[in-house]
Amino acid sequence: MSRSFVPVPICCIVLGSLGCAQTRAAAPRIPPSLLTVTIDSVSARLFALNASPGVGIVVVRDTQVVYAKGFGYADVEARRPFTSETEFYIASTTKSFTGLAVAMLDLQGVMKLDEPISRYLPAVKLRSPLNADSITVRSLLTHTHGIGGGPVAIRLAYTGEYEGDAELTRLLAEHSPNPSGRAYSYTNLGYNIVGLAMDDVNHESWKETLRRLLFTPLGMTHTSAYVSGRSQDRLAMPYLTTPEGFARTRYGKTDANMQSAGGLITTPSDMGRWLEAQINDGRLDGKQVLPATAVAETHKILVPVTGGARGLHSLGYGLGWQISLLGDDTLVHHGGGFAGFATHMSFMPKHRVGVAVMANNSELGAPLAELMATAIYDVVRGRPAITADSVAAIGRQLVRMRGQLAASIAQRAKRPQDLPFPLDAYTGRFYNPVLGHLELRVVNGKLEARMGAAWSAIEVYDNTKNQLRVELFGSGEVITVDVKDGRADSVLFEGLTFSRVP
């Protein structure tokens, strides 16, 4: 299941204004001191558009970090600034780490990319015509496995409710075949399944495998797949866009829903080490830290992907990396988004430059991160810096987007919010064997919903049908409550019936 927090229009409109699609002759390399000053100026101008409470940026060229800085706040309420050492949840950018770990396991003969998943998860059962004997590890990592939506991706990315790998493996039988067959179809699920296989073959959590194979050798001391143990005064807090500004939202991640498709916390400084290793074929600080052949394998186009968005022309997908053209230059990149978080991570092999941008807002922060990265690549390649007219145009688009958001909220507010029964009649704990537990309760006079680690405020969607609107999985969903004898008896959600339990 793929759910997005990234609004597309601003990216499509403004990236063209940066001139990224134009082909120009190569320019002389900018001296480091001038490069730093120019990147800082461009980044400051874009951050001033107020598209995110805070932003962290790192830029690597060759074998050194040439820029690492934060803007704004990691925690607005505490007035804690965003710095290069702020710890940030990077969501789907995690896929590049999982992909490299598996490529290394392939070299070691521990887990082969072209072996079927049935070899590593012999208990897995899939719906016909899907067959675990014909789905390879490589196809899982390149989103060509053909398995469609279902509970495993939801439980791992959102609710965190499951009793170990065995239950998740069993629940794979609830996933329907993908309507597009084995064509490329980006979701979290393939990486989730590979994570289960990694647990089995390594006799340790995939979290520990990444620490052992990647974080420790690279000296990424503030990178982890665990939320527990992280100091609250180092974490970036998540914020959602409102018509007036930004509002703090709940930190939606626990150890249980940190998953192999989107489950890492890192810092801009640590990301700089990751990008340096990518640019230099696994070399870092003058040493061969990671096997060059494994690093190279992750950057190959393994599945062609056509089309493009946000100023990019897509070429294909590797192992946790998208490969595209930005103008006439190859860009190896991946993004990540979750409620209150957006990350852009990329590098240009030709120019030996890598950029990562992290914004603690998911709606406007996502395009901001990509805009900043594109503007920085223009600076590094000696192209004209973003103009005042372009910045002004972006600002006007942001104002329009806030206006659209305000209009959407106002339209929803027109729905009658009174219900035919008292609020307490809608409360209770409900269970479905596929998706788990759903709890509706009244807190401070308002209804709210919980599914494990997932939480949502509740609006009334249609009071004549006892329908409630929630945002448990990143977008608006409708819950229909069946009230009998003055209390909720069952709930219909995601096409499934949840029965009341004690």
Protein backbone atom coordinates (compact mmCIF):
# COMPACT_ATOMS: atom_id res chain seq x y z
CA MET A 1 0.00 0.00 0.00
CA SER A 2 1.45 3.32 -1.02
CA ARG A 3 0.24 6.51 0.59
CA SER A 4 1.71 9.90 -0.13
CA PHE A 5 1.92 13.13 1.80
CA VAL A 6 3.58 15.03 -1.07
CA PRO A 7 1.52 17.53 -3.05
CA VAL A 8 2.71 17.53 -6.66
CA PRO A 9 1.63 20.85 -8.23
CA ILE A 10 4.21 23.18 -6.71
CA CYS A 11 7.07 20.88 -7.73
CA CYS A 12 5.84 20.61 -11.31
CA ILE A 13 5.44 24.35 -11.64
CA VAL A 14 8.53 25.74 -10.01
CA LEU A 15 11.28 23.28 -10.87
CA GLY A 16 11.05 24.37 -14.49
CA SER A 17 11.61 27.96 -13.38
CA LEU A 18 15.02 26.99 -12.03
CA GLY A 19 16.18 26.13 -15.52
CA CYS A 20 17.03 22.55 -14.55
CA ALA A 21 15.99 21.07 -17.88
CA GLN A 22 18.31 23.24 -19.95
CA THR A 23 21.55 21.86 -21.35
CA ARG A 24 24.63 24.04 -20.86
CA ALA A 25 28.35 23.56 -21.24
CA ALA A 26 30.19 22.34 -18.15
CA ALA A 27 31.37 25.20 -15.94
CA PRO A 28 34.61 25.42 -13.94
CA ARG A 29 34.41 23.98 -10.44
CA ILE A 30 33.51 26.58 -7.87
CA PRO A 31 36.06 26.98 -5.04
CA PRO A 32 34.80 25.51 -1.73
CA SER A 33 34.58 28.87 0.04
CA LEU A 34 32.48 30.46 -2.69
CA LEU A 35 30.41 27.29 -3.03
CA THR A 36 29.51 27.39 0.66
CA VAL A 37 28.52 31.05 0.57
CA THR A 38 26.37 30.60 -2.53
CA ILE A 39 24.61 27.47 -1.23
CA ASP A 40 23.90 29.27 2.03
CA SER A 41 22.42 32.27 0.23
CA VAL A 42 20.20 30.16 -2.04
CA SER A 43 19.02 27.94 0.83
CA ALA A 44 18.23 30.91 3.06
CA ARG A 45 16.13 32.54 0.34
CA LEU A 46 14.07 29.39 -0.20
CA PHE A 47 13.67 28.69 3.52
CA ALA A 48 12.37 32.24 3.98
CA LEU A 49 9.29 31.20 1.99
CA ASN A 50 8.03 29.60 5.23
CA ALA A 51 7.25 26.17 3.77
CA SER A 52 8.51 24.28 6.83
CA PRO A 53 9.26 25.06 10.48
CA GLY A 54 12.79 23.74 10.02
CA VAL A 55 15.18 22.31 7.45
CA GLY A 56 18.48 20.44 7.64
CA ILE A 57 20.87 20.37 4.66
CA VAL A 58 24.10 18.56 3.85
CA VAL A 59 26.11 18.82 0.64
CA VAL A 60 29.03 16.52 -0.19
CA ARG A 61 31.53 17.03 -3.01
CA ASP A 62 34.19 14.41 -3.75
CA THR A 63 35.37 13.30 -0.31
CA GLN A 64 34.29 16.16 1.90
CA VAL A 65 31.22 17.83 3.29
CA VAL A 66 31.16 21.32 1.82
CA TYR A 67 27.96 22.43 3.53
CA ALA A 68 26.02 21.27 6.59
CA LYS A 69 23.50 23.53 8.28
CA GLY A 70 20.04 23.79 9.72
CA PHE A 71 17.44 26.52 9.34
CA GLY A 72 14.52 27.28 11.61
CA TYR A 73 13.34 24.97 14.37
CA ALA A 74 13.40 21.25 15.02
CA ASP A 75 10.98 21.95 17.89
CA VAL A 76 9.04 25.18 17.56
CA GLU A 77 7.48 25.07 21.03
CA ALA A 78 10.85 24.55 22.73
CA ARG A 79 12.55 27.05 20.36
CA ARG A 80 15.13 24.35 19.65
CA PRO A 81 16.97 25.09 16.40
CA PHE A 82 17.38 22.63 13.53
CA THR A 83 21.10 21.84 13.16
CA SER A 84 23.29 19.43 11.24
CA GLU A 85 23.11 17.13 14.28
CA THR A 86 19.31 17.08 14.58
CA GLU A 87 17.97 13.50 14.45
CA PHE A 88 15.33 13.13 11.76
CA TYR A 89 12.96 10.39 10.61
CA ILE A 90 13.71 9.82 6.90
CA ALA A 91 10.83 7.47 5.94
CA SER A 92 11.21 5.76 2.52
CA THR A 93 14.77 7.00 2.08
CA THR A 94 15.44 3.93 4.24
CA LYS A 95 15.04 1.78 1.10
CA SER A 96 18.52 2.65 -0.15
CA PHE A 97 20.02 1.29 3.09
CA THR A 98 17.99 -1.92 2.98
CA GLY A 99 18.87 -2.39 -0.69
CA LEU A 100 22.61 -2.09 -0.04
CA ALA A 101 22.46 -4.42 2.97
CA VAL A 102 20.83 -7.10 0.81
CA ALA A 103 23.39 -6.54 -1.99
CA MET A 104 26.12 -7.15 0.60
CA LEU A 105 24.36 -10.29 1.85
CA ASP A 106 24.23 -11.45 -1.76
CA LEU A 107 28.01 -11.06 -2.06
CA GLN A 108 28.44 -13.04 1.15
CA GLY A 109 26.18 -15.80 -0.17
CA VAL A 110 23.83 -15.36 2.77
CA MET A 111 20.80 -14.14 0.80
CA LYS A 112 20.85 -14.24 -3.00
CA LEU A 113 19.06 -11.56 -4.99
CA ASP A 114 17.86 -13.96 -7.67
CA GLU A 115 16.59 -16.70 -5.38
CA PRO A 116 12.83 -16.99 -4.77
CA ILE A 117 11.47 -15.63 -1.53
CA SER A 118 10.15 -19.11 -0.70
CA ARG A 119 13.74 -20.14 -0.01
CA TYR A 120 13.97 -17.69 2.87
CA LEU A 121 10.34 -17.66 4.02
CA PRO A 122 9.21 -21.27 3.43
CA ALA A 123 5.98 -20.72 5.38
CA VAL A 124 4.74 -17.90 3.14
CA LYS A 125 1.47 -18.47 1.31
CA LEU A 126 0.19 -16.08 -1.36
CA ARG A 127 -3.11 -15.73 -3.16
CA SER A 128 -3.36 -17.38 -6.57
CA PRO A 129 -2.03 -16.71 -9.16
CA LEU A 130 0.83 -15.36 -7.02
CA ASN A 131 3.52 -17.92 -6.23
CA ALA A 132 6.36 -17.39 -3.77
CA ASP A 133 8.52 -19.75 -5.85
CA SER A 134 8.50 -17.26 -8.75
CA ILE A 135 9.00 -14.03 -6.81
CA THR A 136 12.68 -13.26 -6.28
CA VAL A 137 14.34 -11.06 -3.70
CA ARG A 138 15.38 -8.75 -6.54
CA SER A 139 11.78 -8.37 -7.74
CA LEU A 140 10.70 -7.47 -4.20
CA LEU A 141 13.34 -4.73 -4.03
CA THR A 142 12.47 -3.37 -7.49
CA HIS A 143 8.69 -3.25 -6.94
CA THR A 144 7.98 -5.86 -9.64
CA HIS A 145 6.70 -8.65 -7.37
CA GLY A 146 3.04 -8.36 -8.31
CA ILE A 147 1.67 -8.45 -4.75
CA GLY A 148 -1.01 -5.87 -4.10
CA GLY A 149 -2.41 -4.09 -1.07
CA GLY A 150 -3.15 -5.65 2.27
CA PRO A 151 -2.53 -5.62 6.02
CA VAL A 152 1.23 -6.21 6.31
CA ALA A 153 2.25 -2.80 4.98
CA ILE A 154 -0.35 -1.10 7.21
CA ARG A 155 0.66 -2.95 10.36
CA LEU A 156 4.36 -2.33 9.78
CA ALA A 157 4.23 1.33 8.71
CA TYR A 158 1.34 2.64 10.79
CA THR A 159 -0.17 0.57 13.58
CA GLY A 160 2.83 -1.51 14.67
CA GLU A 161 0.36 -4.13 15.90
CA TYR A 162 1.62 -7.67 15.28
CA GLU A 163 2.91 -10.62 17.25
CA GLY A 164 6.25 -11.18 15.57
CA ASP A 165 7.34 -12.16 12.07
CA ALA A 166 5.29 -15.34 11.98
CA GLU A 167 2.02 -13.41 12.15
CA LEU A 168 3.15 -10.99 9.45
CA THR A 169 4.19 -13.86 7.19
CA ARG A 170 0.79 -15.48 7.69
CA LEU A 171 -0.99 -12.20 6.88
CA LEU A 172 0.69 -12.03 3.47
CA ALA A 173 -2.02 -14.47 2.34
CA GLU A 174 -4.50 -11.58 2.78
CA HIS A 175 -2.80 -9.49 0.09
CA SER A 176 -4.50 -9.54 -3.29
CA PRO A 177 -2.57 -9.71 -6.56
CA ASN A 178 -1.60 -6.33 -7.97
CA PRO A 179 -4.01 -5.35 -10.80
CA SER A 180 -0.99 -4.27 -12.89
CA GLY A 181 0.60 -7.70 -12.59
CA ARG A 182 4.40 -7.76 -12.42
CA ALA A 183 4.80 -4.26 -13.84
CA TYR A 184 6.74 -1.74 -11.72
CA SER A 185 4.45 -0.53 -8.94
CA TYR A 186 6.06 1.38 -6.08
CA THR A 187 4.97 0.33 -2.58
CA ASN A 188 6.53 -0.52 0.76
CA LEU A 189 5.51 -4.15 0.69
CA GLY A 190 8.44 -5.69 -1.20
CA TYR A 191 10.91 -4.20 1.26
CA ASN A 192 8.74 -5.34 4.16
CA ILE A 193 8.88 -8.93 2.91
CA VAL A 194 12.62 -8.73 2.38
CA GLY A 195 12.93 -7.45 5.95
CA LEU A 196 11.16 -10.58 7.20
CA ALA A 197 13.54 -12.73 5.16
CA MET A 198 16.57 -10.85 6.52
CA ASP A 199 15.38 -11.52 10.06
CA ASP A 200 15.21 -15.24 9.31
CA VAL A 201 18.52 -15.74 7.49
CA ASN A 202 20.56 -13.54 9.83
CA HIS A 203 18.91 -14.68 13.07
CA GLU A 204 18.60 -11.03 14.09
CA SER A 205 16.29 -8.12 13.33
CA TRP A 206 16.89 -6.26 10.07
CA LYS A 207 17.47 -3.29 12.38
CA GLU A 208 20.57 -4.98 13.78
CA THR A 209 21.69 -6.14 10.34
CA LEU A 210 21.75 -2.56 9.05
CA ARG A 211 23.60 -1.40 12.15
CA ARG A 212 26.19 -4.17 11.77
CA LEU A 213 26.71 -3.93 8.01
CA LEU A 214 26.29 -0.20 7.45
CA PHE A 215 26.01 2.20 10.36
CA THR A 216 28.95 0.96 12.42
CA PRO A 217 31.44 0.65 9.53
CA LEU A 218 30.44 4.07 8.19
CA GLY A 219 30.67 5.74 11.59
CA MET A 220 27.03 6.84 11.41
CA THR A 221 26.81 7.12 15.17
CA HIS A 222 23.47 8.95 15.22
CA THR A 223 21.65 6.69 12.77
CA SER A 224 19.30 4.01 14.06
CA ALA A 225 16.22 1.95 13.23
CA TYR A 226 14.99 2.40 16.81
CA VAL A 227 13.00 5.28 18.25
CA SER A 228 13.55 4.04 21.78
CA GLY A 229 16.74 5.36 23.28
CA ARG A 230 16.71 8.52 21.16
CA SER A 231 17.01 11.70 23.20
CA GLN A 232 13.91 13.86 22.82
CA ASP A 233 16.01 17.01 22.81
CA ARG A 234 17.75 15.86 19.62
CA LEU A 235 14.75 14.70 17.58
CA ALA A 236 13.05 16.87 14.97
CA MET A 237 9.36 17.15 15.81
CA PRO A 238 6.70 16.79 13.05
CA TYR A 239 4.39 19.60 11.91
CA LEU A 240 1.41 19.75 9.57
CA THR A 241 0.41 22.73 7.43
CA THR A 242 -2.53 24.87 8.51
CA PRO A 243 -4.00 27.93 6.77
CA GLU A 244 -2.25 30.10 9.36
CA GLY A 245 1.10 28.31 9.61
CA PHE A 246 2.12 24.99 11.14
CA ALA A 247 0.66 22.80 13.87
CA ARG A 248 2.50 20.16 15.88
CA THR A 249 1.32 16.63 15.20
CA ARG A 250 2.00 13.44 17.10
CA TYR A 251 5.29 11.68 16.60
CA GLY A 252 3.82 8.70 14.80
CA LYS A 253 6.79 6.35 15.06
CA THR A 254 7.66 3.67 17.63
CA ASP A 255 10.06 0.76 17.38
CA ALA A 256 7.17 -1.44 16.22
CA ASN A 257 6.33 0.63 13.13
CA MET A 258 9.90 1.42 12.13
CA GLN A 259 10.12 -0.92 9.14
CA SER A 260 12.60 -1.91 6.45
CA ALA A 261 10.87 0.20 3.79
CA GLY A 262 10.81 3.33 5.95
CA GLY A 263 12.30 3.05 9.40
CA LEU A 264 15.47 5.06 10.05
CA ILE A 265 16.40 8.10 12.08
CA THR A 266 19.57 9.92 11.06
CA THR A 267 21.16 13.38 10.99
CA PRO A 268 22.31 15.61 8.14
CA SER A 269 25.90 14.98 9.26
CA ASP A 270 25.48 11.20 9.19
CA MET A 271 23.73 11.46 5.83
CA GLY A 272 26.82 13.23 4.56
CA ARG A 273 28.85 10.11 5.36
CA TRP A 274 26.30 7.95 3.55
CA LEU A 275 26.43 10.13 0.45
CA GLU A 276 30.23 10.24 0.46
CA ALA A 277 30.29 6.45 0.45
CA GLN A 278 27.83 6.38 -2.48
CA ILE A 279 29.84 8.86 -4.54
CA ASN A 280 33.12 7.03 -3.87
CA ASP A 281 32.05 3.40 -4.45
CA GLY A 282 32.06 2.51 -0.79
CA ARG A 283 35.18 4.44 0.21
CA LEU A 284 35.05 6.76 3.21
CA ASP A 285 37.84 8.66 4.95
CA GLY A 286 40.30 7.12 2.50
CA LYS A 287 39.32 3.52 3.29
CA GLN A 288 37.23 0.91 1.45
CA VAL A 289 34.49 0.58 4.05
CA LEU A 290 31.77 -1.04 1.91
CA PRO A 291 32.26 -3.44 -1.02
CA ALA A 292 32.37 -1.43 -4.25
CA THR A 293 30.55 -4.12 -6.25
CA ALA A 294 27.60 -4.09 -3.84
CA VAL A 295 27.37 -0.29 -3.92
CA ALA A 296 27.48 -0.31 -7.72
CA GLU A 297 24.76 -2.97 -7.90
CA THR A 298 22.32 -0.73 -6.03
CA HIS A 299 22.84 2.13 -8.52
CA LYS A 300 22.09 0.08 -11.65
CA ILE A 301 18.85 0.52 -13.55
CA LEU A 302 17.25 -2.86 -12.89
CA VAL A 303 13.73 -1.91 -13.95
CA PRO A 304 12.99 0.76 -16.58
CA VAL A 305 10.59 3.45 -15.39
CA THR A 306 9.12 5.99 -17.80
CA GLY A 307 7.57 9.36 -17.22
CA GLY A 308 8.74 11.90 -14.71
CA ALA A 309 7.67 14.55 -12.27
CA ARG A 310 9.04 17.51 -10.37
CA GLY A 311 11.47 18.47 -13.14
CA LEU A 312 12.93 14.96 -13.49
CA HIS A 313 12.87 12.49 -16.37
CA SER A 314 12.65 8.99 -14.95
CA LEU A 315 14.97 6.29 -16.26
CA GLY A 316 14.48 3.42 -13.84
CA TYR A 317 14.76 1.93 -10.37
CA GLY A 318 17.68 0.12 -8.75
CA LEU A 319 17.95 -1.33 -5.25
CA GLY A 320 16.41 1.43 -3.15
CA TRP A 321 17.37 4.18 -5.60
CA GLN A 322 15.50 5.95 -8.38
CA ILE A 323 17.58 6.93 -11.39
CA SER A 324 16.52 9.99 -13.38
CA LEU A 325 17.81 12.84 -15.52
CA LEU A 326 17.93 16.35 -14.10
CA GLY A 327 18.56 18.34 -17.22
CA ASP A 328 21.30 16.35 -18.96
CA ASP A 329 22.80 14.95 -15.76
CA THR A 330 22.04 11.60 -14.16
CA LEU A 331 20.57 11.92 -10.69
CA VAL A 332 20.44 8.92 -8.33
CA HIS A 333 17.87 9.78 -5.71
CA HIS A 334 15.11 8.79 -3.31
CA GLY A 335 12.61 10.65 -1.20
CA GLY A 336 10.70 9.91 1.95
CA GLY A 337 7.47 11.21 3.43
CA PHE A 338 5.39 10.63 6.54
CA ALA A 339 3.06 12.87 8.54
CA GLY A 340 5.23 15.85 9.50
CA PHE A 341 8.40 14.64 7.75
CA ALA A 342 9.89 14.95 4.24
CA THR A 343 13.35 13.97 2.96
CA HIS A 344 15.17 14.34 -0.34
CA MET A 345 18.45 12.43 -0.79
CA SER A 346 20.43 12.25 -4.03
CA PHE A 347 23.79 12.40 -5.79
CA MET A 348 25.13 13.16 -9.25
CA PRO A 349 27.81 10.64 -10.27
CA LYS A 350 29.24 12.88 -13.02
CA HIS A 351 29.77 15.83 -10.72
CA ARG A 352 30.57 13.71 -7.64
CA VAL A 353 28.13 15.74 -5.58
CA GLY A 354 25.48 14.58 -3.11
CA VAL A 355 22.67 16.53 -1.44
CA ALA A 356 20.25 15.68 1.36
CA VAL A 357 17.49 17.98 2.59
CA MET A 358 15.20 17.20 5.53
CA ALA A 359 12.08 19.24 6.36
CA ASN A 360 9.82 18.70 9.37
CA ASN A 361 6.62 19.32 7.40
CA SER A 362 5.07 16.87 4.97
CA GLU A 363 2.82 18.99 2.74
CA LEU A 364 4.87 22.07 1.81
CA GLY A 365 8.14 20.73 3.20
CA ALA A 366 8.33 17.97 0.57
CA PRO A 367 8.44 20.29 -2.45
CA LEU A 368 10.68 22.67 -0.50
CA ALA A 369 13.24 19.89 0.01
CA GLU A 370 13.28 19.09 -3.70
CA LEU A 371 13.46 22.74 -4.68
CA MET A 372 16.42 23.29 -2.38
CA ALA A 373 18.23 20.26 -3.76
CA THR A 374 17.65 21.36 -7.37
CA ALA A 375 18.83 24.89 -6.60
CA ILE A 376 21.95 23.53 -4.90
CA TYR A 377 22.75 21.32 -7.91
CA ASP A 378 22.47 24.38 -10.14
CA VAL A 379 24.99 26.18 -7.94
CA VAL A 380 27.41 23.24 -7.91
CA ARG A 381 27.20 22.86 -11.70
CA GLY A 382 27.94 26.54 -12.22
CA ARG A 383 24.47 27.39 -13.44
CA PRO A 384 22.72 30.66 -12.61
CA ALA A 385 21.37 30.80 -9.08
CA ILE A 386 17.62 30.93 -8.60
CA THR A 387 16.33 34.39 -9.44
CA ALA A 388 14.24 36.73 -7.34
CA ASP A 389 11.39 36.33 -9.83
CA SER A 390 11.47 32.53 -9.42
CA VAL A 391 11.46 32.82 -5.63
CA ALA A 392 8.52 35.21 -5.82
CA ALA A 393 6.64 32.82 -8.14
CA ILE A 394 7.22 29.96 -5.72
CA GLY A 395 5.97 32.15 -2.88
CA ARG A 396 2.76 32.90 -4.76
CA GLN A 397 2.22 29.20 -5.40
CA LEU A 398 2.67 28.47 -1.71
CA VAL A 399 0.07 31.11 -0.88
CA ARG A 400 -2.33 29.47 -3.35
CA MET A 401 -1.70 26.06 -1.81
CA ARG A 402 -2.47 27.40 1.66
CA GLY A 403 -5.63 28.92 0.22
CA GLN A 404 -6.65 25.57 -1.26
CA LEU A 405 -6.02 23.95 2.11
CA ALA A 406 -8.14 26.56 3.87
CA ALA A 407 -10.93 26.03 1.34
CA SER A 408 -10.83 22.26 1.89
CA ILE A 409 -11.02 22.69 5.65
CA ALA A 410 -13.88 25.18 5.31
CA GLN A 411 -15.76 22.81 3.02
CA ARG A 412 -15.41 19.96 5.50
CA ALA A 413 -16.54 22.27 8.30
CA LYS A 414 -19.85 22.77 6.49
CA ARG A 415 -20.77 19.15 7.14
CA PRO A 416 -23.13 18.86 10.12
CA GLN A 417 -21.08 17.72 13.11
CA ASP A 418 -23.99 16.64 15.29
CA LEU A 419 -24.59 12.90 15.56
CA PRO A 420 -27.86 11.05 16.20
CA PHE A 421 -26.43 9.49 19.39
CA PRO A 422 -24.29 10.85 22.24
CA LEU A 423 -20.54 10.65 21.63
CA ASP A 424 -20.17 7.86 24.18
CA ALA A 425 -22.38 5.65 22.00
CA TYR A 426 -19.63 5.59 19.34
CA THR A 427 -16.84 4.55 21.65
CA GLY A 428 -15.43 1.09 22.15
CA ARG A 429 -12.72 -1.35 21.16
CA PHE A 430 -13.18 -3.30 17.95
CA TYR A 431 -11.26 -6.09 16.26
CA ASN A 432 -10.74 -7.46 12.78
CA PRO A 433 -8.39 -10.44 12.24
CA VAL A 434 -6.79 -8.83 9.18
CA LEU A 435 -6.07 -5.30 10.41
CA GLY A 436 -6.18 -5.76 14.19
CA HIS A 437 -7.69 -3.49 16.83
CA LEU A 438 -9.44 -0.16 16.37
CA GLU A 439 -10.40 1.97 19.35
CA LEU A 440 -12.82 4.91 19.34
CA ARG A 441 -12.93 7.04 22.45
CA VAL A 442 -13.87 10.48 23.76
CA VAL A 443 -11.05 12.71 24.97
CA ASN A 444 -11.73 16.26 26.17
CA GLY A 445 -15.19 16.14 24.65
CA LYS A 446 -14.06 15.02 21.20
CA LEU A 447 -13.92 11.68 19.43
CA GLU A 448 -10.55 10.24 18.46
CA ALA A 449 -9.38 6.96 16.90
CA ARG A 450 -6.42 4.70 17.61
CA MET A 451 -4.98 1.64 15.91
CA GLY A 452 -1.82 0.71 17.78
CA ALA A 453 0.63 3.56 17.19
CA ALA A 454 -1.67 5.24 14.65
CA TRP A 455 -3.86 8.05 15.99
CA SER A 456 -6.39 10.44 14.47
CA ALA A 457 -8.81 13.12 15.47
CA ILE A 458 -12.34 12.43 14.21
CA GLU A 459 -14.71 14.60 12.19
CA VAL A 460 -18.29 13.73 11.28
CA TYR A 461 -18.44 12.78 7.60
CA ASP A 462 -22.16 12.00 7.23
CA ASN A 463 -24.28 12.24 10.38
CA THR A 464 -27.25 10.55 8.68
CA LYS A 465 -25.21 7.38 8.22
CA ASN A 466 -23.06 7.45 11.39
CA GLN A 467 -19.99 7.98 9.21
CA LEU A 468 -16.82 9.47 10.70
CA ARG A 469 -13.74 10.85 8.95
CA VAL A 470 -10.26 9.82 10.18
CA GLU A 471 -6.67 10.11 8.98
CA LEU A 472 -5.06 7.01 10.45
CA PHE A 473 -2.95 6.01 7.44
CA GLY A 474 -1.91 9.34 5.99
CA SER A 475 -5.04 10.36 4.10
CA GLY A 476 -8.74 10.82 4.74
CA GLU A 477 -10.72 7.61 5.36
CA VAL A 478 -14.33 6.99 6.38
CA ILE A 479 -15.48 4.83 9.29
CA THR A 480 -19.11 3.69 9.41
CA VAL A 481 -20.36 2.86 12.90
CA ASP A 482 -23.23 0.43 13.41
CA VAL A 483 -25.04 1.50 16.59
CA LYS A 484 -27.37 -0.99 18.25
CA ASP A 485 -29.26 -0.47 21.50
CA GLY A 486 -27.49 2.84 22.09
CA ARG A 487 -23.89 1.71 21.61
CA ALA A 488 -21.48 0.91 18.79
CA ASP A 489 -21.75 -2.76 17.88
CA SER A 490 -19.34 -2.89 14.93
CA VAL A 491 -17.35 -0.63 12.63
CA LEU A 492 -16.81 -0.78 8.86
CA PHE A 493 -13.35 0.50 7.89
CA GLU A 494 -11.14 -0.14 4.84
CA GLY A 495 -13.84 -2.46 3.54
CA LEU A 496 -13.55 -4.70 6.61
CA THR A 497 -15.86 -5.23 9.59
CA PHE A 498 -14.41 -4.68 13.05
CA SER A 499 -16.49 -6.39 15.76
CA ARG A 500 -16.81 -5.04 19.28
CA VAL A 501 -14.58 -6.74 21.86
CA PRO A 502 -14.38 -6.28 25.65
